[in-house]
Every structure is written in structure tokens, then in C-alpha cells.
């Protein structure tokens, strides 16, 4: 039923797109068939697969770095009042700094390199993960904490059977919000300072005023990220919440 509803909504969206393209100038809003033809040509030439692969690699590396550091930082902030008071202001500063500013500064400080691109994306994502995990660490069940003290759990047992199970839903929530944030920032990073990737391709075709190519690359990468969320992150979210 849910799949049927999604298909119907997709068909309605395509119909509206076709109608709008018929009424508008084809240079500013191409028909869905023109975009599909461009995507097929790009796939056959290898350009689409190469650029999507490069961007996915950047998303994956920066996502893993941001999630790893953000998990540790968030738990530290949630469990230690001293750490929270000390690091809260710097965290809020980074959290509210525009992604574009962080990206430009990373390129200025580290050069137009792959390292700068990864650092820029990870820095943009890290505060978001830390804030979500801090709330998770603050909301740990006091009854389970009391049980752990009563049975004198050692640190490893406490982490495995008390901390991790309660933090899993927050970690998955951070991952789902993070993956959607990370790929958007990666496109900006590539648009500004990388010689390949989906962001670079979109910028290249934008300069040629090729709207068909811009929409084609955007749609393909959005489809890939939606597939990751639907096939990986949503089932993982349902799995970690099954005991609630």
C-alpha cells in the first residue's frame, strides 16, 4: 500500500513536471524525457558513474569521520557537566557557522585539496551529531543506571548493555539527518574547489546554461541518496527501536 502511494505521488509529480515543461521555455525547464535521455547518454559515456562515485566516496569518508568524532563528543558532553559547560559555546559557534564559511576557510587554510574538502564536510556535520548524541546521553534511564551499580557492572559491560542500547536510536537519527546534510555540503565543496564530482559537474553545466544536465545530475544523485536512506537507514532505524 505504501509503495503504491509513493508510485502514485511520483506519477503525479512527473505529470505536473511535463505540464509545466510544455507551458514553459524548454531551455529553462526541459521535459522529463529530455532529462532521461541526457542521463542515459552520461551513463553510457561513463561521466555520470565517475562523478557520482567520486561524490559518494567523499560523502562516505566525511560521514564516517563526523559520526565517529560526534558520537564520542556527544556522549562526553551528555555525561560530564564540566565538559558540557566548557565546550557548549564552541560547539554552538561551529553549529551556527554557515557551511559556506567553513568550506571557504578550509580551502584557504589547507589549500584546494581533497583533505580540505573532507575536513570541511566533516566539520559541518560533526556539531549536528554531537548535539543529538548529547541529548541521548542525558536521557539515559536512571533505573538501568541503578541496576548497573547494584550488579557492579564493569566499564565494558556497562557500555555494552546499558549505554549502547539506549543510544542506538539517537545514533541512527544522527546518521539519517547527517547523510542528508553531508551530501548537500559535499556538492557545495565540489562546486567551489574540486575538479570532479556531482557538484563540479553541476557547476560546469550551469556555466553552459544546460538546465537539462543540471537537473539530470541532481535527480540521479538525489535518487542514490534516497535509496541509501530507504534501503539501509530506515530498516536500521526500525531495528534499533524494535524493543520500545
C-alpha atoms as a PDB file:
ATOM      1  CA  UNK A   1       0.000   0.000   0.000  1.00  0.00           C
ATOM      2  CA  UNK A   2       2.776   2.427   0.947  1.00  0.00           C
ATOM      3  CA  UNK A   3       4.697   1.570  -2.238  1.00  0.00           C
ATOM      4  CA  UNK A   4       1.578   2.138  -4.347  1.00  0.00           C
ATOM      5  CA  UNK A   5       1.017   5.528  -2.696  1.00  0.00           C
ATOM      6  CA  UNK A   6       4.611   6.536  -3.427  1.00  0.00           C
ATOM      7  CA  UNK A   7       4.283   5.456  -7.064  1.00  0.00           C
ATOM      8  CA  UNK A   8       1.074   7.443  -7.460  1.00  0.00           C
ATOM      9  CA  UNK A   9       2.660  10.564  -5.957  1.00  0.00           C
ATOM     10  CA  UNK A  10       5.674  10.102  -8.269  1.00  0.00           C
ATOM     11  CA  UNK A  11       3.436   9.825 -11.323  1.00  0.00           C
ATOM     12  CA  UNK A  12       1.537  12.959 -10.282  1.00  0.00           C
ATOM     13  CA  UNK A  13       4.843  14.807  -9.867  1.00  0.00           C
ATOM     14  CA  UNK A  14       6.016  13.700 -13.328  1.00  0.00           C
ATOM     15  CA  UNK A  15       2.689  14.752 -14.850  1.00  0.00           C
ATOM     16  CA  UNK A  16       2.947  18.211 -13.271  1.00  0.00           C
ATOM     17  CA  UNK A  17       6.555  18.492 -14.462  1.00  0.00           C
ATOM     18  CA  UNK A  18       5.520  17.537 -18.015  1.00  0.00           C
ATOM     19  CA  UNK A  19       2.680  20.080 -17.946  1.00  0.00           C
ATOM     20  CA  UNK A  20       4.930  22.862 -16.670  1.00  0.00           C
ATOM     21  CA  UNK A  21       7.624  21.998 -19.250  1.00  0.00           C
ATOM     22  CA  UNK A  22       5.040  22.130 -22.042  1.00  0.00           C
ATOM     23  CA  UNK A  23       3.981  25.614 -20.996  1.00  0.00           C
ATOM     24  CA  UNK A  24       7.488  26.921 -20.274  1.00  0.00           C
ATOM     25  CA  UNK A  25      10.577  27.517 -22.375  1.00  0.00           C
ATOM     26  CA  UNK A  26      12.372  24.202 -22.945  1.00  0.00           C
ATOM     27  CA  UNK A  27      15.761  25.819 -22.199  1.00  0.00           C
ATOM     28  CA  UNK A  28      14.687  26.761 -18.677  1.00  0.00           C
ATOM     29  CA  UNK A  29      12.538  23.726 -17.904  1.00  0.00           C
ATOM     30  CA  UNK A  30      13.176  20.655 -20.104  1.00  0.00           C
ATOM     31  CA  UNK A  31      10.709  17.772 -20.361  1.00  0.00           C
ATOM     32  CA  UNK A  32      11.272  14.627 -18.239  1.00  0.00           C
ATOM     33  CA  UNK A  33      12.051  12.640 -21.393  1.00  0.00           C
ATOM     34  CA  UNK A  34      14.881  15.068 -22.305  1.00  0.00           C
ATOM     35  CA  UNK A  35      16.406  14.722 -18.824  1.00  0.00           C
ATOM     36  CA  UNK A  36      16.124  10.933 -19.003  1.00  0.00           C
ATOM     37  CA  UNK A  37      17.850  10.914 -22.400  1.00  0.00           C
ATOM     38  CA  UNK A  38      20.703  13.043 -21.029  1.00  0.00           C
ATOM     39  CA  UNK A  39      21.131  10.729 -18.022  1.00  0.00           C
ATOM     40  CA  UNK A  40      21.342   7.677 -20.310  1.00  0.00           C
ATOM     41  CA  UNK A  41      23.946   9.388 -22.511  1.00  0.00           C
ATOM     42  CA  UNK A  42      26.028  10.350 -19.474  1.00  0.00           C
ATOM     43  CA  UNK A  43      25.844   6.813 -18.086  1.00  0.00           C
ATOM     44  CA  UNK A  44      26.947   5.372 -21.439  1.00  0.00           C
ATOM     45  CA  UNK A  45      29.873   7.807 -21.642  1.00  0.00           C
ATOM     46  CA  UNK A  46      30.950   6.948 -18.077  1.00  0.00           C
ATOM     47  CA  UNK A  47      30.847  10.548 -16.880  1.00  0.00           C
ATOM     48  CA  UNK A  48      27.796  10.104 -14.687  1.00  0.00           C
ATOM     49  CA  UNK A  49      29.065   6.978 -12.928  1.00  0.00           C
ATOM     50  CA  UNK A  50      32.507   8.509 -12.344  1.00  0.00           C
ATOM     51  CA  UNK A  51      31.205  11.755 -10.859  1.00  0.00           C
ATOM     52  CA  UNK A  52      28.568  10.040  -8.717  1.00  0.00           C
ATOM     53  CA  UNK A  53      31.185   7.558  -7.477  1.00  0.00           C
ATOM     54  CA  UNK A  54      33.630  10.324  -6.544  1.00  0.00           C
ATOM     55  CA  UNK A  55      30.949  12.254  -4.669  1.00  0.00           C
ATOM     56  CA  UNK A  56      29.718   9.139  -2.867  1.00  0.00           C
ATOM     57  CA  UNK A  57      33.294   8.405  -1.738  1.00  0.00           C
ATOM     58  CA  UNK A  58      33.621  11.925  -0.298  1.00  0.00           C
ATOM     59  CA  UNK A  59      30.259  11.613   1.435  1.00  0.00           C
ATOM     60  CA  UNK A  60      31.233   8.236   2.920  1.00  0.00           C
ATOM     61  CA  UNK A  61      34.644   9.330   4.256  1.00  0.00           C
ATOM     62  CA  UNK A  62      33.436  12.619   5.745  1.00  0.00           C
ATOM     63  CA  UNK A  63      30.323  10.934   7.139  1.00  0.00           C
ATOM     64  CA  UNK A  64      32.354   8.260   8.964  1.00  0.00           C
ATOM     65  CA  UNK A  65      34.741  10.866  10.409  1.00  0.00           C
ATOM     66  CA  UNK A  66      31.930  13.172  11.556  1.00  0.00           C
ATOM     67  CA  UNK A  67      29.884  10.321  13.061  1.00  0.00           C
ATOM     68  CA  UNK A  68      32.873   8.844  14.919  1.00  0.00           C
ATOM     69  CA  UNK A  69      34.028  12.119  16.458  1.00  0.00           C
ATOM     70  CA  UNK A  70      30.474  13.366  17.018  1.00  0.00           C
ATOM     71  CA  UNK A  71      29.449  10.204  18.889  1.00  0.00           C
ATOM     72  CA  UNK A  72      32.377  10.455  21.286  1.00  0.00           C
ATOM     73  CA  UNK A  73      31.952  14.203  21.791  1.00  0.00           C
ATOM     74  CA  UNK A  74      28.194  13.959  22.281  1.00  0.00           C
ATOM     75  CA  UNK A  75      28.449  11.235  24.909  1.00  0.00           C
ATOM     76  CA  UNK A  76      31.178  13.201  26.703  1.00  0.00           C
ATOM     77  CA  UNK A  77      29.015  16.334  26.764  1.00  0.00           C
ATOM     78  CA  UNK A  78      25.980  14.408  27.926  1.00  0.00           C
ATOM     79  CA  UNK A  79      27.783  12.598  30.737  1.00  0.00           C
ATOM     80  CA  UNK A  80      30.078  15.381  32.010  1.00  0.00           C
ATOM     81  CA  UNK A  81      28.686  18.733  33.151  1.00  0.00           C
ATOM     82  CA  UNK A  82      32.196  20.224  33.173  1.00  0.00           C
ATOM     83  CA  UNK A  83      32.814  19.201  29.567  1.00  0.00           C
ATOM     84  CA  UNK A  84      29.370  20.447  28.554  1.00  0.00           C
ATOM     85  CA  UNK A  85      29.911  23.877  30.140  1.00  0.00           C
ATOM     86  CA  UNK A  86      33.407  24.140  28.613  1.00  0.00           C
ATOM     87  CA  UNK A  87      32.605  23.002  25.084  1.00  0.00           C
ATOM     88  CA  UNK A  88      28.994  24.120  24.672  1.00  0.00           C
ATOM     89  CA  UNK A  89      29.821  27.597  23.336  1.00  0.00           C
ATOM     90  CA  UNK A  90      32.430  26.442  20.772  1.00  0.00           C
ATOM     91  CA  UNK A  91      30.001  23.753  19.654  1.00  0.00           C
ATOM     92  CA  UNK A  92      27.205  26.284  19.142  1.00  0.00           C
ATOM     93  CA  UNK A  93      29.573  28.598  17.256  1.00  0.00           C
ATOM     94  CA  UNK A  94      30.503  25.855  14.782  1.00  0.00           C
ATOM     95  CA  UNK A  95      26.890  24.654  14.604  1.00  0.00           C
ATOM     96  CA  UNK A  96      25.678  28.116  13.589  1.00  0.00           C
ATOM     97  CA  UNK A  97      28.533  28.956  11.240  1.00  0.00           C
ATOM     98  CA  UNK A  98      27.339  28.785   7.613  1.00  0.00           C
ATOM     99  CA  UNK A  99      28.597  25.758   5.719  1.00  0.00           C
ATOM    100  CA  UNK A 100      29.938  28.051   3.006  1.00  0.00           C
ATOM    101  CA  UNK A 101      32.148  29.910   5.501  1.00  0.00           C
ATOM    102  CA  UNK A 102      33.620  26.677   6.885  1.00  0.00           C
ATOM    103  CA  UNK A 103      34.230  25.413   3.355  1.00  0.00           C
ATOM    104  CA  UNK A 104      35.993  28.602   2.222  1.00  0.00           C
ATOM    105  CA  UNK A 105      38.149  28.708   5.358  1.00  0.00           C
ATOM    106  CA  UNK A 106      39.107  25.038   4.930  1.00  0.00           C
ATOM    107  CA  UNK A 107      40.250  25.722   1.361  1.00  0.00           C
ATOM    108  CA  UNK A 108      42.151  28.855   2.477  1.00  0.00           C
ATOM    109  CA  UNK A 109      43.911  27.073   5.336  1.00  0.00           C
ATOM    110  CA  UNK A 110      44.502  23.669   3.715  1.00  0.00           C
ATOM    111  CA  UNK A 111      44.516  24.577   0.028  1.00  0.00           C
ATOM    112  CA  UNK A 112      42.306  23.245  -2.754  1.00  0.00           C
ATOM    113  CA  UNK A 113      42.948  19.650  -1.722  1.00  0.00           C
ATOM    114  CA  UNK A 114      40.962  16.517  -1.071  1.00  0.00           C
ATOM    115  CA  UNK A 115      41.836  16.793   2.630  1.00  0.00           C
ATOM    116  CA  UNK A 116      40.345  20.283   2.825  1.00  0.00           C
ATOM    117  CA  UNK A 117      37.148  19.058   1.179  1.00  0.00           C
ATOM    118  CA  UNK A 118      36.755  16.166   3.629  1.00  0.00           C
ATOM    119  CA  UNK A 119      37.575  18.372   6.636  1.00  0.00           C
ATOM    120  CA  UNK A 120      35.036  20.976   5.529  1.00  0.00           C
ATOM    121  CA  UNK A 121      32.225  18.438   5.223  1.00  0.00           C
ATOM    122  CA  UNK A 122      33.125  16.676   8.486  1.00  0.00           C
ATOM    123  CA  UNK A 123      33.275  19.977  10.406  1.00  0.00           C
ATOM    124  CA  UNK A 124      29.864  20.954   9.096  1.00  0.00           C
ATOM    125  CA  UNK A 125      28.343  17.649  10.119  1.00  0.00           C
ATOM    126  CA  UNK A 126      30.119  16.989  13.444  1.00  0.00           C
ATOM    127  CA  UNK A 127      28.216  19.523  15.658  1.00  0.00           C
ATOM    128  CA  UNK A 128      24.885  18.143  14.483  1.00  0.00           C
ATOM    129  CA  UNK A 129      25.865  14.619  15.541  1.00  0.00           C
ATOM    130  CA  UNK A 130      27.298  15.824  18.855  1.00  0.00           C
ATOM    131  CA  UNK A 131      24.105  17.710  19.789  1.00  0.00           C
ATOM    132  CA  UNK A 132      21.847  14.728  19.050  1.00  0.00           C
ATOM    133  CA  UNK A 133      24.106  12.313  20.946  1.00  0.00           C
ATOM    134  CA  UNK A 134      24.352  14.711  23.892  1.00  0.00           C
ATOM    135  CA  UNK A 135      20.575  14.610  24.253  1.00  0.00           C
ATOM    136  CA  UNK A 136      20.719  10.834  24.090  1.00  0.00           C
ATOM    137  CA  UNK A 137      23.386  10.618  26.790  1.00  0.00           C
ATOM    138  CA  UNK A 138      21.356  12.967  29.012  1.00  0.00           C
ATOM    139  CA  UNK A 139      18.215  10.855  28.715  1.00  0.00           C
ATOM    140  CA  UNK A 140      19.674   7.544  29.878  1.00  0.00           C
ATOM    141  CA  UNK A 141      17.252   5.570  32.055  1.00  0.00           C
ATOM    142  CA  UNK A 142      18.217   6.121  35.756  1.00  0.00           C
ATOM    143  CA  UNK A 143      16.689   2.740  36.611  1.00  0.00           C
ATOM    144  CA  UNK A 144      19.166   0.978  34.355  1.00  0.00           C
ATOM    145  CA  UNK A 145      21.974   3.071  35.824  1.00  0.00           C
ATOM    146  CA  UNK A 146      20.897   1.933  39.307  1.00  0.00           C
ATOM    147  CA  UNK A 147      20.800  -1.683  38.146  1.00  0.00           C
ATOM    148  CA  UNK A 148      24.321  -1.362  36.745  1.00  0.00           C
ATOM    149  CA  UNK A 149      25.589  -0.009  40.065  1.00  0.00           C
ATOM    150  CA  UNK A 150      23.724  -2.694  42.027  1.00  0.00           C
ATOM    151  CA  UNK A 151      25.252  -5.513  39.990  1.00  0.00           C
ATOM    152  CA  UNK A 152      28.607  -3.710  39.883  1.00  0.00           C
ATOM    153  CA  UNK A 153      28.952  -3.732  36.120  1.00  0.00           C
ATOM    154  CA  UNK A 154      32.474  -3.060  34.942  1.00  0.00           C
ATOM    155  CA  UNK A 155      33.004  -0.333  32.343  1.00  0.00           C
ATOM    156  CA  UNK A 156      32.882  -2.698  29.345  1.00  0.00           C
ATOM    157  CA  UNK A 157      29.646  -4.388  30.499  1.00  0.00           C
ATOM    158  CA  UNK A 158      28.029  -1.013  31.227  1.00  0.00           C
ATOM    159  CA  UNK A 159      28.890   0.262  27.749  1.00  0.00           C
ATOM    160  CA  UNK A 160      27.692  -2.913  26.008  1.00  0.00           C
ATOM    161  CA  UNK A 161      24.445  -3.491  27.929  1.00  0.00           C
ATOM    162  CA  UNK A 162      23.392  -0.084  29.280  1.00  0.00           C
ATOM    163  CA  UNK A 163      24.895   2.738  27.236  1.00  0.00           C
ATOM    164  CA  UNK A 164      24.943   1.447  23.660  1.00  0.00           C
ATOM    165  CA  UNK A 165      21.378   0.010  23.508  1.00  0.00           C
ATOM    166  CA  UNK A 166      19.916   3.295  24.767  1.00  0.00           C
ATOM    167  CA  UNK A 167      21.990   5.429  22.422  1.00  0.00           C
ATOM    168  CA  UNK A 168      21.328   3.407  19.271  1.00  0.00           C
ATOM    169  CA  UNK A 169      18.109   5.272  18.281  1.00  0.00           C
ATOM    170  CA  UNK A 170      19.885   8.610  18.707  1.00  0.00           C
ATOM    171  CA  UNK A 171      22.866   7.400  16.676  1.00  0.00           C
ATOM    172  CA  UNK A 172      20.605   6.288  13.835  1.00  0.00           C
ATOM    173  CA  UNK A 173      18.700   9.588  13.980  1.00  0.00           C
ATOM    174  CA  UNK A 174      22.017  11.431  13.764  1.00  0.00           C
ATOM    175  CA  UNK A 175      23.062   9.246  10.842  1.00  0.00           C
ATOM    176  CA  UNK A 176      19.830   9.854   8.914  1.00  0.00           C
ATOM    177  CA  UNK A 177      19.950  13.613   9.395  1.00  0.00           C
ATOM    178  CA  UNK A 178      23.694  13.589   8.790  1.00  0.00           C
ATOM    179  CA  UNK A 179      23.657  11.746   5.488  1.00  0.00           C
ATOM    180  CA  UNK A 180      21.141  14.189   4.047  1.00  0.00           C
ATOM    181  CA  UNK A 181      23.213  17.118   5.316  1.00  0.00           C
ATOM    182  CA  UNK A 182      26.560  15.675   4.254  1.00  0.00           C
ATOM    183  CA  UNK A 183      25.756  15.121   0.585  1.00  0.00           C
ATOM    184  CA  UNK A 184      24.376  18.642   0.201  1.00  0.00           C
ATOM    185  CA  UNK A 185      27.546  20.113   1.711  1.00  0.00           C
ATOM    186  CA  UNK A 186      29.721  17.861  -0.435  1.00  0.00           C
ATOM    187  CA  UNK A 187      28.098  19.322  -3.550  1.00  0.00           C
ATOM    188  CA  UNK A 188      28.924  22.845  -2.345  1.00  0.00           C
ATOM    189  CA  UNK A 189      32.501  21.808  -1.562  1.00  0.00           C
ATOM    190  CA  UNK A 190      32.892  20.270  -5.022  1.00  0.00           C
ATOM    191  CA  UNK A 191      31.304  23.258  -6.703  1.00  0.00           C
ATOM    192  CA  UNK A 192      33.829  25.624  -5.108  1.00  0.00           C
ATOM    193  CA  UNK A 193      37.095  23.749  -5.225  1.00  0.00           C
ATOM    194  CA  UNK A 194      37.167  20.232  -6.697  1.00  0.00           C
ATOM    195  CA  UNK A 195      37.853  19.152 -10.305  1.00  0.00           C
ATOM    196  CA  UNK A 196      35.332  16.283 -10.283  1.00  0.00           C
ATOM    197  CA  UNK A 197      32.174  15.017  -8.629  1.00  0.00           C
ATOM    198  CA  UNK A 198      28.479  15.848  -8.993  1.00  0.00           C
ATOM    199  CA  UNK A 199      28.922  19.376  -7.607  1.00  0.00           C
ATOM    200  CA  UNK A 200      31.668  20.078 -10.152  1.00  0.00           C
ATOM    201  CA  UNK A 201      29.510  18.706 -12.980  1.00  0.00           C
ATOM    202  CA  UNK A 202      26.520  20.811 -11.925  1.00  0.00           C
ATOM    203  CA  UNK A 203      28.704  23.932 -11.835  1.00  0.00           C
ATOM    204  CA  UNK A 204      30.185  23.078 -15.251  1.00  0.00           C
ATOM    205  CA  UNK A 205      26.790  22.675 -16.908  1.00  0.00           C
ATOM    206  CA  UNK A 206      25.443  25.720 -15.071  1.00  0.00           C
ATOM    207  CA  UNK A 207      28.102  27.833 -16.790  1.00  0.00           C
ATOM    208  CA  UNK A 208      26.893  26.407 -20.123  1.00  0.00           C
ATOM    209  CA  UNK A 209      23.286  27.147 -19.070  1.00  0.00           C
ATOM    210  CA  UNK A 210      22.467  23.490 -19.697  1.00  0.00           C
ATOM    211  CA  UNK A 211      19.461  23.090 -17.391  1.00  0.00           C
ATOM    212  CA  UNK A 212      18.812  19.557 -18.645  1.00  0.00           C
ATOM    213  CA  UNK A 213      22.230  18.424 -17.407  1.00  0.00           C
ATOM    214  CA  UNK A 214      21.884  20.249 -14.082  1.00  0.00           C
ATOM    215  CA  UNK A 215      18.521  18.607 -13.387  1.00  0.00           C
ATOM    216  CA  UNK A 216      19.803  15.234 -14.619  1.00  0.00           C
ATOM    217  CA  UNK A 217      22.797  15.145 -12.284  1.00  0.00           C
ATOM    218  CA  UNK A 218      20.703  16.444  -9.385  1.00  0.00           C
ATOM    219  CA  UNK A 219      17.978  13.839  -9.856  1.00  0.00           C
ATOM    220  CA  UNK A 220      20.403  10.931 -10.169  1.00  0.00           C
ATOM    221  CA  UNK A 221      22.292  11.815  -7.014  1.00  0.00           C
ATOM    222  CA  UNK A 222      19.090  12.515  -5.053  1.00  0.00           C
ATOM    223  CA  UNK A 223      17.829   9.099  -6.136  1.00  0.00           C
ATOM    224  CA  UNK A 224      21.025   7.429  -4.905  1.00  0.00           C
ATOM    225  CA  UNK A 225      20.815   9.136  -1.506  1.00  0.00           C
ATOM    226  CA  UNK A 226      17.106   8.342  -1.153  1.00  0.00           C
ATOM    227  CA  UNK A 227      17.879   4.702  -1.941  1.00  0.00           C
ATOM    228  CA  UNK A 228      20.544   4.626   0.795  1.00  0.00           C
ATOM    229  CA  UNK A 229      18.083   6.105   3.281  1.00  0.00           C
ATOM    230  CA  UNK A 230      15.233   3.775   2.291  1.00  0.00           C
ATOM    231  CA  UNK A 231      17.200   0.542   1.938  1.00  0.00           C
ATOM    232  CA  UNK A 232      19.780   0.982   4.710  1.00  0.00           C
ATOM    233  CA  UNK A 233      18.993   3.666   7.268  1.00  0.00           C
ATOM    234  CA  UNK A 234      15.223   3.215   7.621  1.00  0.00           C
ATOM    235  CA  UNK A 235      15.471  -0.567   8.247  1.00  0.00           C
ATOM    236  CA  UNK A 236      18.324   0.115  10.683  1.00  0.00           C
ATOM    237  CA  UNK A 237      16.160   2.679  12.482  1.00  0.00           C
ATOM    238  CA  UNK A 238      13.297   0.167  12.775  1.00  0.00           C
ATOM    239  CA  UNK A 239      15.728  -2.475  14.052  1.00  0.00           C
ATOM    240  CA  UNK A 240      17.182  -0.383  16.891  1.00  0.00           C
ATOM    241  CA  UNK A 241      13.706   0.763  18.000  1.00  0.00           C
ATOM    242  CA  UNK A 242      12.152  -2.711  17.980  1.00  0.00           C
ATOM    243  CA  UNK A 243      12.434  -3.145  21.768  1.00  0.00           C
ATOM    244  CA  UNK A 244      10.488   0.052  22.514  1.00  0.00           C
END
